[in-house]
PDB file of all heavy atoms in Angstrom:
ATOM      1  N   PRO A   1       1.237 -19.946  -5.501  1.00  0.00           N
ATOM      2  CA  PRO A   1       1.505 -18.760  -4.731  1.00  0.00           C
ATOM      3  C   PRO A   1       1.416 -17.506  -5.556  1.00  0.00           C
ATOM      4  O   PRO A   1       1.232 -16.454  -4.910  1.00  0.00           O
ATOM      5  CB  PRO A   1       2.928 -19.019  -4.186  1.00  0.00           C
ATOM      6  CG  PRO A   1       3.508 -20.106  -5.032  1.00  0.00           C
ATOM      7  CD  PRO A   1       2.378 -20.935  -5.517  1.00  0.00           C
ATOM      8  N   ARG A   2       1.591 -17.567  -6.871  1.00  0.00           N
ATOM      9  CA  ARG A   2       1.484 -16.387  -7.631  1.00  0.00           C
ATOM     10  C   ARG A   2       0.079 -15.701  -7.557  1.00  0.00           C
ATOM     11  O   ARG A   2      -0.005 -14.435  -7.717  1.00  0.00           O
ATOM     12  CB  ARG A   2       1.767 -16.720  -9.103  1.00  0.00           C
ATOM     13  CG  ARG A   2       1.813 -15.479 -10.045  1.00  0.00           C
ATOM     14  CD  ARG A   2       2.915 -14.457  -9.624  1.00  0.00           C
ATOM     15  NE  ARG A   2       4.106 -14.663 -10.402  1.00  0.00           N
ATOM     16  CZ  ARG A   2       5.328 -14.388 -10.008  1.00  0.00           C
ATOM     17  NH1 ARG A   2       5.498 -13.934  -8.787  1.00  0.00           N
ATOM     18  NH2 ARG A   2       6.367 -14.578 -10.749  1.00  0.00           N
ATOM     19  N   VAL A   3      -0.911 -16.503  -7.263  1.00  0.00           N
ATOM     20  CA  VAL A   3      -2.242 -15.917  -7.085  1.00  0.00           C
ATOM     21  C   VAL A   3      -2.257 -14.916  -5.928  1.00  0.00           C
ATOM     22  O   VAL A   3      -2.792 -13.792  -6.012  1.00  0.00           O
ATOM     23  CB  VAL A   3      -3.310 -17.058  -6.823  1.00  0.00           C
ATOM     24  CG1 VAL A   3      -4.623 -16.447  -6.426  1.00  0.00           C
ATOM     25  CG2 VAL A   3      -3.431 -17.919  -8.081  1.00  0.00           C
ATOM     26  N   ASP A   4      -1.610 -15.296  -4.830  1.00  0.00           N
ATOM     27  CA  ASP A   4      -1.542 -14.443  -3.610  1.00  0.00           C
ATOM     28  C   ASP A   4      -0.846 -13.104  -3.963  1.00  0.00           C
ATOM     29  O   ASP A   4      -1.319 -12.041  -3.747  1.00  0.00           O
ATOM     30  CB  ASP A   4      -0.860 -15.180  -2.502  1.00  0.00           C
ATOM     31  CG  ASP A   4      -0.788 -14.308  -1.221  1.00  0.00           C
ATOM     32  OD1 ASP A   4      -1.733 -13.562  -0.975  1.00  0.00           O
ATOM     33  OD2 ASP A   4       0.202 -14.453  -0.492  1.00  0.00           O
ATOM     34  N   SER A   5       0.360 -13.243  -4.585  1.00  0.00           N
ATOM     35  CA  SER A   5       1.120 -12.008  -4.874  1.00  0.00           C
ATOM     36  C   SER A   5       0.439 -11.161  -5.872  1.00  0.00           C
ATOM     37  O   SER A   5       0.432  -9.930  -5.793  1.00  0.00           O
ATOM     38  CB  SER A   5       2.551 -12.355  -5.339  1.00  0.00           C
ATOM     39  OG  SER A   5       2.545 -13.316  -6.322  1.00  0.00           O
ATOM     40  N   ALA A   6      -0.247 -11.722  -6.898  1.00  0.00           N
ATOM     41  CA  ALA A   6      -0.954 -10.955  -7.887  1.00  0.00           C
ATOM     42  C   ALA A   6      -2.146 -10.224  -7.254  1.00  0.00           C
ATOM     43  O   ALA A   6      -2.413  -9.098  -7.613  1.00  0.00           O
ATOM     44  CB  ALA A   6      -1.401 -11.916  -9.059  1.00  0.00           C
ATOM     45  N   LEU A   7      -2.846 -10.863  -6.370  1.00  0.00           N
ATOM     46  CA  LEU A   7      -3.963 -10.235  -5.678  1.00  0.00           C
ATOM     47  C   LEU A   7      -3.498  -9.082  -4.798  1.00  0.00           C
ATOM     48  O   LEU A   7      -4.089  -7.981  -4.769  1.00  0.00           O
ATOM     49  CB  LEU A   7      -4.750 -11.260  -4.868  1.00  0.00           C
ATOM     50  CG  LEU A   7      -5.718 -12.216  -5.656  1.00  0.00           C
ATOM     51  CD1 LEU A   7      -6.169 -13.322  -4.716  1.00  0.00           C
ATOM     52  CD2 LEU A   7      -6.804 -11.453  -6.285  1.00  0.00           C
ATOM     53  N   LEU A   8      -2.380  -9.292  -4.078  1.00  0.00           N
ATOM     54  CA  LEU A   8      -1.846  -8.289  -3.178  1.00  0.00           C
ATOM     55  C   LEU A   8      -1.429  -7.026  -4.024  1.00  0.00           C
ATOM     56  O   LEU A   8      -1.723  -5.911  -3.624  1.00  0.00           O
ATOM     57  CB  LEU A   8      -0.685  -8.836  -2.371  1.00  0.00           C
ATOM     58  CG  LEU A   8      -1.071  -9.803  -1.276  1.00  0.00           C
ATOM     59  CD1 LEU A   8       0.219 -10.443  -0.668  1.00  0.00           C
ATOM     60  CD2 LEU A   8      -1.866  -9.115  -0.144  1.00  0.00           C
ATOM     61  N   ILE A   9      -0.718  -7.269  -5.069  1.00  0.00           N
ATOM     62  CA  ILE A   9      -0.205  -6.160  -5.867  1.00  0.00           C
ATOM     63  C   ILE A   9      -1.399  -5.415  -6.563  1.00  0.00           C
ATOM     64  O   ILE A   9      -1.446  -4.237  -6.592  1.00  0.00           O
ATOM     65  CB  ILE A   9       0.734  -6.736  -6.991  1.00  0.00           C
ATOM     66  CG1 ILE A   9       2.085  -7.112  -6.321  1.00  0.00           C
ATOM     67  CG2 ILE A   9       0.971  -5.704  -8.082  1.00  0.00           C
ATOM     68  CD1 ILE A   9       3.003  -7.857  -7.220  1.00  0.00           C
ATOM     69  N   GLY A  10      -2.352  -6.173  -7.076  1.00  0.00           N
ATOM     70  CA  GLY A  10      -3.547  -5.519  -7.696  1.00  0.00           C
ATOM     71  C   GLY A  10      -4.330  -4.691  -6.638  1.00  0.00           C
ATOM     72  O   GLY A  10      -4.682  -3.549  -6.865  1.00  0.00           O
ATOM     73  N   ALA A  11      -4.531  -5.323  -5.500  1.00  0.00           N
ATOM     74  CA  ALA A  11      -5.304  -4.616  -4.412  1.00  0.00           C
ATOM     75  C   ALA A  11      -4.578  -3.398  -3.925  1.00  0.00           C
ATOM     76  O   ALA A  11      -5.220  -2.299  -3.662  1.00  0.00           O
ATOM     77  CB  ALA A  11      -5.596  -5.540  -3.239  1.00  0.00           C
ATOM     78  N   ALA A  12      -3.235  -3.417  -3.787  1.00  0.00           N
ATOM     79  CA  ALA A  12      -2.527  -2.307  -3.297  1.00  0.00           C
ATOM     80  C   ALA A  12      -2.605  -1.163  -4.288  1.00  0.00           C
ATOM     81  O   ALA A  12      -2.749   0.050  -3.878  1.00  0.00           O
ATOM     82  CB  ALA A  12      -1.024  -2.665  -3.135  1.00  0.00           C
ATOM     83  N   GLN A  13      -2.593  -1.434  -5.599  1.00  0.00           N
ATOM     84  CA  GLN A  13      -2.760  -0.383  -6.597  1.00  0.00           C
ATOM     85  C   GLN A  13      -4.096   0.239  -6.533  1.00  0.00           C
ATOM     86  O   GLN A  13      -4.278   1.429  -6.688  1.00  0.00           O
ATOM     87  CB  GLN A  13      -2.399  -0.960  -8.012  1.00  0.00           C
ATOM     88  CG  GLN A  13      -0.940  -1.354  -8.183  1.00  0.00           C
ATOM     89  CD  GLN A  13      -0.712  -2.095  -9.462  1.00  0.00           C
ATOM     90  OE1 GLN A  13      -0.403  -1.502 -10.472  1.00  0.00           O
ATOM     91  NE2 GLN A  13      -0.982  -3.411  -9.379  1.00  0.00           N
ATOM     92  N   ILE A  14      -5.119  -0.626  -6.469  1.00  0.00           N
ATOM     93  CA  ILE A  14      -6.523  -0.084  -6.437  1.00  0.00           C
ATOM     94  C   ILE A  14      -6.785   0.808  -5.242  1.00  0.00           C
ATOM     95  O   ILE A  14      -7.406   1.808  -5.356  1.00  0.00           O
ATOM     96  CB  ILE A  14      -7.458  -1.314  -6.428  1.00  0.00           C
ATOM     97  CG1 ILE A  14      -7.428  -2.022  -7.829  1.00  0.00           C
ATOM     98  CG2 ILE A  14      -8.914  -0.892  -6.123  1.00  0.00           C
ATOM     99  CD1 ILE A  14      -8.115  -3.351  -7.798  1.00  0.00           C
ATOM    100  N   LEU A  15      -6.261   0.377  -4.088  1.00  0.00           N
ATOM    101  CA  LEU A  15      -6.662   1.022  -2.863  1.00  0.00           C
ATOM    102  C   LEU A  15      -5.672   2.190  -2.455  1.00  0.00           C
ATOM    103  O   LEU A  15      -6.091   3.154  -1.814  1.00  0.00           O
ATOM    104  CB  LEU A  15      -6.695   0.018  -1.694  1.00  0.00           C
ATOM    105  CG  LEU A  15      -7.817  -1.074  -1.801  1.00  0.00           C
ATOM    106  CD1 LEU A  15      -7.617  -2.058  -0.700  1.00  0.00           C
ATOM    107  CD2 LEU A  15      -9.158  -0.410  -1.715  1.00  0.00           C
ATOM    108  N   PHE A  16      -4.399   2.061  -2.768  1.00  0.00           N
ATOM    109  CA  PHE A  16      -3.455   2.972  -2.195  1.00  0.00           C
ATOM    110  C   PHE A  16      -2.515   3.708  -3.194  1.00  0.00           C
ATOM    111  O   PHE A  16      -1.890   4.673  -2.851  1.00  0.00           O
ATOM    112  CB  PHE A  16      -2.463   2.251  -1.232  1.00  0.00           C
ATOM    113  CG  PHE A  16      -3.246   1.557  -0.130  1.00  0.00           C
ATOM    114  CD1 PHE A  16      -3.205   0.157   0.035  1.00  0.00           C
ATOM    115  CD2 PHE A  16      -3.988   2.269   0.789  1.00  0.00           C
ATOM    116  CE1 PHE A  16      -3.861  -0.450   1.066  1.00  0.00           C
ATOM    117  CE2 PHE A  16      -4.670   1.658   1.795  1.00  0.00           C
ATOM    118  CZ  PHE A  16      -4.596   0.288   1.952  1.00  0.00           C
ATOM    119  N   LEU A  17      -2.513   3.287  -4.508  1.00  0.00           N
ATOM    120  CA  LEU A  17      -1.633   3.880  -5.396  1.00  0.00           C
ATOM    121  C   LEU A  17      -2.391   4.539  -6.572  1.00  0.00           C
ATOM    122  O   LEU A  17      -3.477   4.157  -6.844  1.00  0.00           O
ATOM    123  CB  LEU A  17      -0.635   2.857  -5.992  1.00  0.00           C
ATOM    124  CG  LEU A  17       0.324   2.279  -4.922  1.00  0.00           C
ATOM    125  CD1 LEU A  17       1.186   1.208  -5.642  1.00  0.00           C
ATOM    126  CD2 LEU A  17       1.172   3.314  -4.262  1.00  0.00           C
ATOM    127  N   ASP A  18      -1.715   5.462  -7.268  1.00  0.00           N
ATOM    128  CA  ASP A  18      -2.340   6.254  -8.338  1.00  0.00           C
ATOM    129  C   ASP A  18      -2.196   5.445  -9.623  1.00  0.00           C
ATOM    130  O   ASP A  18      -1.490   5.866 -10.580  1.00  0.00           O
ATOM    131  CB  ASP A  18      -1.719   7.640  -8.449  1.00  0.00           C
ATOM    132  CG  ASP A  18      -2.409   8.524  -9.454  1.00  0.00           C
ATOM    133  OD1 ASP A  18      -3.594   8.213  -9.708  1.00  0.00           O
ATOM    134  OD2 ASP A  18      -1.796   9.500  -9.928  1.00  0.00           O
ATOM    135  N   VAL A  19      -2.879   4.319  -9.692  1.00  0.00           N
ATOM    136  CA  VAL A  19      -2.891   3.449 -10.901  1.00  0.00           C
ATOM    137  C   VAL A  19      -4.314   3.231 -11.285  1.00  0.00           C
ATOM    138  O   VAL A  19      -5.157   2.935 -10.421  1.00  0.00           O
ATOM    139  CB  VAL A  19      -2.179   2.112 -10.569  1.00  0.00           C
ATOM    140  CG1 VAL A  19      -2.296   1.134 -11.801  1.00  0.00           C
ATOM    141  CG2 VAL A  19      -0.758   2.327 -10.215  1.00  0.00           C
ATOM    142  N   PRO A  20      -4.663   3.409 -12.525  1.00  0.00           N
ATOM    143  CA  PRO A  20      -6.059   3.188 -12.937  1.00  0.00           C
ATOM    144  C   PRO A  20      -6.490   1.725 -12.572  1.00  0.00           C
ATOM    145  O   PRO A  20      -5.722   0.783 -12.732  1.00  0.00           O
ATOM    146  CB  PRO A  20      -6.008   3.365 -14.464  1.00  0.00           C
ATOM    147  CG  PRO A  20      -4.858   4.268 -14.700  1.00  0.00           C
ATOM    148  CD  PRO A  20      -3.834   3.916 -13.652  1.00  0.00           C
ATOM    149  N   ASP A  21      -7.747   1.625 -12.060  1.00  0.00           N
ATOM    150  CA  ASP A  21      -8.183   0.343 -11.657  1.00  0.00           C
ATOM    151  C   ASP A  21      -8.140  -0.719 -12.730  1.00  0.00           C
ATOM    152  O   ASP A  21      -7.739  -1.873 -12.531  1.00  0.00           O
ATOM    153  CB  ASP A  21      -9.645   0.451 -11.154  1.00  0.00           C
ATOM    154  CG  ASP A  21      -9.783   1.208  -9.818  1.00  0.00           C
ATOM    155  OD1 ASP A  21      -8.699   1.448  -9.212  1.00  0.00           O
ATOM    156  OD2 ASP A  21     -10.877   1.546  -9.465  1.00  0.00           O
ATOM    157  N   HIS A  22      -8.513  -0.351 -13.954  1.00  0.00           N
ATOM    158  CA  HIS A  22      -8.503  -1.295 -15.079  1.00  0.00           C
ATOM    159  C   HIS A  22      -7.114  -1.836 -15.356  1.00  0.00           C
ATOM    160  O   HIS A  22      -6.909  -3.031 -15.666  1.00  0.00           O
ATOM    161  CB  HIS A  22      -9.119  -0.712 -16.320  1.00  0.00           C
ATOM    162  CG  HIS A  22      -8.299   0.420 -16.942  1.00  0.00           C
ATOM    163  ND1 HIS A  22      -7.303   0.125 -17.848  1.00  0.00           N
ATOM    164  CD2 HIS A  22      -8.325   1.759 -16.799  1.00  0.00           C
ATOM    165  CE1 HIS A  22      -6.762   1.294 -18.216  1.00  0.00           C
ATOM    166  NE2 HIS A  22      -7.343   2.305 -17.598  1.00  0.00           N
ATOM    167  N   ALA A  23      -6.105  -0.991 -15.194  1.00  0.00           N
ATOM    168  CA  ALA A  23      -4.727  -1.445 -15.423  1.00  0.00           C
ATOM    169  C   ALA A  23      -4.281  -2.350 -14.302  1.00  0.00           C
ATOM    170  O   ALA A  23      -3.571  -3.376 -14.555  1.00  0.00           O
ATOM    171  CB  ALA A  23      -3.801  -0.168 -15.527  1.00  0.00           C
ATOM    172  N   ALA A  24      -4.627  -2.026 -13.064  1.00  0.00           N
ATOM    173  CA  ALA A  24      -4.276  -2.824 -11.940  1.00  0.00           C
ATOM    174  C   ALA A  24      -4.867  -4.260 -12.072  1.00  0.00           C
ATOM    175  O   ALA A  24      -4.154  -5.230 -11.845  1.00  0.00           O
ATOM    176  CB  ALA A  24      -4.738  -2.175 -10.645  1.00  0.00           C
ATOM    177  N   VAL A  25      -6.152  -4.308 -12.457  1.00  0.00           N
ATOM    178  CA  VAL A  25      -6.787  -5.584 -12.646  1.00  0.00           C
ATOM    179  C   VAL A  25      -6.183  -6.365 -13.823  1.00  0.00           C
ATOM    180  O   VAL A  25      -5.794  -7.566 -13.659  1.00  0.00           O
ATOM    181  CB  VAL A  25      -8.300  -5.400 -12.866  1.00  0.00           C
ATOM    182  CG1 VAL A  25      -8.941  -6.787 -13.182  1.00  0.00           C
ATOM    183  CG2 VAL A  25      -8.939  -4.752 -11.679  1.00  0.00           C
ATOM    184  N   ASP A  26      -6.012  -5.721 -14.958  1.00  0.00           N
ATOM    185  CA  ASP A  26      -5.520  -6.387 -16.140  1.00  0.00           C
ATOM    186  C   ASP A  26      -4.120  -6.968 -15.922  1.00  0.00           C
ATOM    187  O   ASP A  26      -3.837  -8.107 -16.324  1.00  0.00           O
ATOM    188  CB  ASP A  26      -5.519  -5.390 -17.289  1.00  0.00           C
ATOM    189  CG  ASP A  26      -4.979  -6.047 -18.582  1.00  0.00           C
ATOM    190  OD1 ASP A  26      -5.570  -6.958 -19.096  1.00  0.00           O
ATOM    191  OD2 ASP A  26      -3.883  -5.589 -19.022  1.00  0.00           O
ATOM    192  N   LEU A  27      -3.227  -6.207 -15.313  1.00  0.00           N
ATOM    193  CA  LEU A  27      -1.847  -6.627 -15.147  1.00  0.00           C
ATOM    194  C   LEU A  27      -1.744  -7.806 -14.147  1.00  0.00           C
ATOM    195  O   LEU A  27      -0.938  -8.678 -14.271  1.00  0.00           O
ATOM    196  CB  LEU A  27      -0.925  -5.507 -14.746  1.00  0.00           C
ATOM    197  CG  LEU A  27      -0.699  -4.503 -15.877  1.00  0.00           C
ATOM    198  CD1 LEU A  27      -0.130  -3.201 -15.379  1.00  0.00           C
ATOM    199  CD2 LEU A  27       0.293  -5.145 -16.908  1.00  0.00           C
ATOM    200  N   SER A  28      -2.612  -7.751 -13.122  1.00  0.00           N
ATOM    201  CA  SER A  28      -2.584  -8.885 -12.165  1.00  0.00           C
ATOM    202  C   SER A  28      -3.148 -10.147 -12.837  1.00  0.00           C
ATOM    203  O   SER A  28      -2.647 -11.247 -12.519  1.00  0.00           O
ATOM    204  CB  SER A  28      -3.431  -8.541 -10.936  1.00  0.00           C
ATOM    205  OG  SER A  28      -2.757  -7.687 -10.068  1.00  0.00           O
ATOM    206  N   VAL A  29      -4.093 -10.022 -13.653  1.00  0.00           N
ATOM    207  CA  VAL A  29      -4.651 -11.148 -14.379  1.00  0.00           C
ATOM    208  C   VAL A  29      -3.508 -11.720 -15.304  1.00  0.00           C
ATOM    209  O   VAL A  29      -3.299 -12.960 -15.382  1.00  0.00           O
ATOM    210  CB  VAL A  29      -5.879 -10.782 -15.220  1.00  0.00           C
ATOM    211  CG1 VAL A  29      -6.219 -11.932 -16.176  1.00  0.00           C
ATOM    212  CG2 VAL A  29      -7.072 -10.503 -14.286  1.00  0.00           C
ATOM    213  N   ARG A  30      -2.804 -10.825 -15.953  1.00  0.00           N
ATOM    214  CA  ARG A  30      -1.707 -11.305 -16.820  1.00  0.00           C
ATOM    215  C   ARG A  30      -0.606 -11.984 -16.026  1.00  0.00           C
ATOM    216  O   ARG A  30       0.045 -12.863 -16.510  1.00  0.00           O
ATOM    217  CB  ARG A  30      -1.133 -10.091 -17.637  1.00  0.00           C
ATOM    218  CG  ARG A  30      -2.097  -9.564 -18.704  1.00  0.00           C
ATOM    219  CD  ARG A  30      -1.556  -8.341 -19.414  1.00  0.00           C
ATOM    220  NE  ARG A  30      -2.505  -7.887 -20.373  1.00  0.00           N
ATOM    221  CZ  ARG A  30      -2.550  -8.163 -21.638  1.00  0.00           C
ATOM    222  NH1 ARG A  30      -1.757  -9.133 -22.094  1.00  0.00           N
ATOM    223  NH2 ARG A  30      -3.430  -7.674 -22.458  1.00  0.00           N
ATOM    224  N   LEU A  31      -0.381 -11.519 -14.841  1.00  0.00           N
ATOM    225  CA  LEU A  31       0.576 -12.114 -13.965  1.00  0.00           C
ATOM    226  C   LEU A  31       0.307 -13.606 -13.739  1.00  0.00           C
ATOM    227  O   LEU A  31       1.189 -14.457 -13.821  1.00  0.00           O
ATOM    228  CB  LEU A  31       0.677 -11.441 -12.638  1.00  0.00           C
ATOM    229  CG  LEU A  31       1.754 -10.359 -12.421  1.00  0.00           C
ATOM    230  CD1 LEU A  31       1.677  -9.816 -10.965  1.00  0.00           C
ATOM    231  CD2 LEU A  31       3.160 -10.930 -12.642  1.00  0.00           C
ATOM    232  N   VAL A  32      -0.938 -13.896 -13.438  1.00  0.00           N
ATOM    233  CA  VAL A  32      -1.276 -15.273 -13.156  1.00  0.00           C
ATOM    234  C   VAL A  32      -1.398 -16.078 -14.430  1.00  0.00           C
ATOM    235  O   VAL A  32      -1.073 -17.312 -14.429  1.00  0.00           O
ATOM    236  CB  VAL A  32      -2.565 -15.385 -12.329  1.00  0.00           C
ATOM    237  CG1 VAL A  32      -2.359 -14.829 -10.911  1.00  0.00           C
ATOM    238  CG2 VAL A  32      -3.735 -14.743 -12.995  1.00  0.00           C
ATOM    239  N   GLN A  33      -1.777 -15.459 -15.520  1.00  0.00           N
ATOM    240  CA  GLN A  33      -1.845 -16.169 -16.800  1.00  0.00           C
ATOM    241  C   GLN A  33      -0.471 -16.613 -17.233  1.00  0.00           C
ATOM    242  O   GLN A  33      -0.352 -17.669 -17.884  1.00  0.00           O
ATOM    243  CB  GLN A  33      -2.476 -15.285 -17.825  1.00  0.00           C
ATOM    244  CG  GLN A  33      -3.996 -15.084 -17.672  1.00  0.00           C
ATOM    245  CD  GLN A  33      -4.571 -14.087 -18.694  1.00  0.00           C
ATOM    246  OE1 GLN A  33      -3.797 -13.240 -19.213  1.00  0.00           O
ATOM    247  NE2 GLN A  33      -5.830 -14.210 -18.967  1.00  0.00           N
ATOM    248  N   ALA A  34       0.581 -15.878 -16.848  1.00  0.00           N
ATOM    249  CA  ALA A  34       1.927 -16.169 -17.304  1.00  0.00           C
ATOM    250  C   ALA A  34       2.570 -17.224 -16.363  1.00  0.00           C
ATOM    251  O   ALA A  34       3.708 -17.699 -16.639  1.00  0.00           O
ATOM    252  CB  ALA A  34       2.771 -14.932 -17.295  1.00  0.00           C
ATOM    253  N   ASP A  35       1.902 -17.649 -15.348  1.00  0.00           N
ATOM    254  CA  ASP A  35       2.422 -18.641 -14.376  1.00  0.00           C
ATOM    255  C   ASP A  35       1.616 -19.911 -14.491  1.00  0.00           C
ATOM    256  O   ASP A  35       0.388 -19.907 -14.201  1.00  0.00           O
ATOM    257  CB  ASP A  35       2.335 -18.059 -12.975  1.00  0.00           C
ATOM    258  CG  ASP A  35       2.953 -18.996 -11.889  1.00  0.00           C
ATOM    259  OD1 ASP A  35       4.177 -19.015 -11.713  1.00  0.00           O
ATOM    260  OD2 ASP A  35       2.115 -19.736 -11.221  1.00  0.00           O
ATOM    261  N   ARG A  36       2.228 -21.048 -14.893  1.00  0.00           N
ATOM    262  CA  ARG A  36       1.448 -22.228 -15.202  1.00  0.00           C
ATOM    263  C   ARG A  36       0.619 -22.712 -14.023  1.00  0.00           C
ATOM    264  O   ARG A  36      -0.598 -22.952 -14.250  1.00  0.00           O
ATOM    265  CB  ARG A  36       2.428 -23.345 -15.665  1.00  0.00           C
ATOM    266  CG  ARG A  36       1.685 -24.648 -16.046  1.00  0.00           C
ATOM    267  CD  ARG A  36       2.677 -25.643 -16.733  1.00  0.00           C
ATOM    268  NE  ARG A  36       3.190 -25.083 -17.982  1.00  0.00           N
ATOM    269  CZ  ARG A  36       4.143 -25.714 -18.703  1.00  0.00           C
ATOM    270  NH1 ARG A  36       4.644 -26.835 -18.270  1.00  0.00           N
ATOM    271  NH2 ARG A  36       4.576 -25.184 -19.783  1.00  0.00           N
ATOM    272  N   PRO A  37       1.090 -22.863 -12.820  1.00  0.00           N
ATOM    273  CA  PRO A  37       0.262 -23.346 -11.767  1.00  0.00           C
ATOM    274  C   PRO A  37      -0.939 -22.372 -11.370  1.00  0.00           C
ATOM    275  O   PRO A  37      -1.932 -22.814 -10.935  1.00  0.00           O
ATOM    276  CB  PRO A  37       1.194 -23.464 -10.539  1.00  0.00           C
ATOM    277  CG  PRO A  37       2.560 -23.526 -11.087  1.00  0.00           C
ATOM    278  CD  PRO A  37       2.454 -22.695 -12.347  1.00  0.00           C
TER     279      PRO A  37
END
């Protein structure tokens, strides 16, 4: 399920928040990397 939440959080930052795209992508990738499943 962490894949879903990481994608939602990344997409929200890219589309609606003032967060650089590269940071939004990188942090979502790190989120799933830190979750074993």
